[in-house]
Amino acid sequence: MRKSDTDLTPSPSIQVLERMFSLMDVLAAKEGSATLKEISEKTQLHPSTTHRILNDLVAGRYVDRPEPGQYRLGMRLLELGNLVKARLNVRDAALTPMRELHQLIQQPVNLSVRQADEIVYVERTYSERSGMQVVRAIGGRAPLHLTSVGKLFLAADEPSRVRAYATKTGLSGHTKNSITQLPNLEKELTKVRQLGYARDNEELELGVRCMAAGIYDDQARLIAGLSISAPADRLDDAWLPKLQATAKAISTSLGFVPYG
């Protein structure tokens, strides 16, 4: 007996998700493509419901339609899978070196990745003795242009993408030190490219300064950033070589081979 569109469930949104996942499970079990009829029968969903959900998945590139009435899993899932894999790998590779660096400097060490126009903190090593009053929680986010790691990612972008980012975000500031004008940001990014590392001079939060070095994968792509955050009057430039060496070691463990 088919499930009708009028089935009562505690939450319609959850019902839609459950139906979507059931459709994708059917496609995942197929080596090739599947017909609308076949998918409808295996999920016990009405053909009109099946067709509507499949259309939404096709629009999002989660499902491909190689020809009318035929469906298969889409490339968007591969893209997301590779993204998750890269982030899990970099976290696993970074954790021990991060702890070792923290033992040397006794200040918070952060691992961050880019997600669209923000930095996402995926790992952190710190101790209560660090004296940091502001703690960026794992999963926390911050604008690219206000963070040292974010500047690394912007510096790796084409100038047109940096301008597009500035237009989209408006370069809003959090403190009096925040960079809120495109010419100033472009100047800062040129400096980052020349030096090979980036700094946050109380631009995200007053009283907190950071320095960051990039982490690269086996395709020489910038996939994460390692940063040290400390009270503004305590950030020590002597930590920079240690930070860069740690980031390089993590990159090497991910298969990165420097050019030259």
Foldseek 3Di string as FASTA:
>chain_A
DADEPPDDDPDPVVVLVVLLVLLQVVQVVDPFWDFLVVSCVSSSYDSVSSVVSVVVCVVVQQWPDPDPRIIHGGCVVVVVVVLVVVVVLLCVLQPVLLVVLCVVVQFKKWKWFDDVQKIATQDIDHDPVQPDPDDQDHRHIDGLQQAFFSLVVLLPDDPVVVVVSCVVVQQDWDDPPGDRDSVVSVVQSVVCVVVQKGKRQCGHHQQKIKIKHFAAALVRDGGIIMMTMHGNVPDDPVSVVSRHVSSVSSNVVRNHDDDD
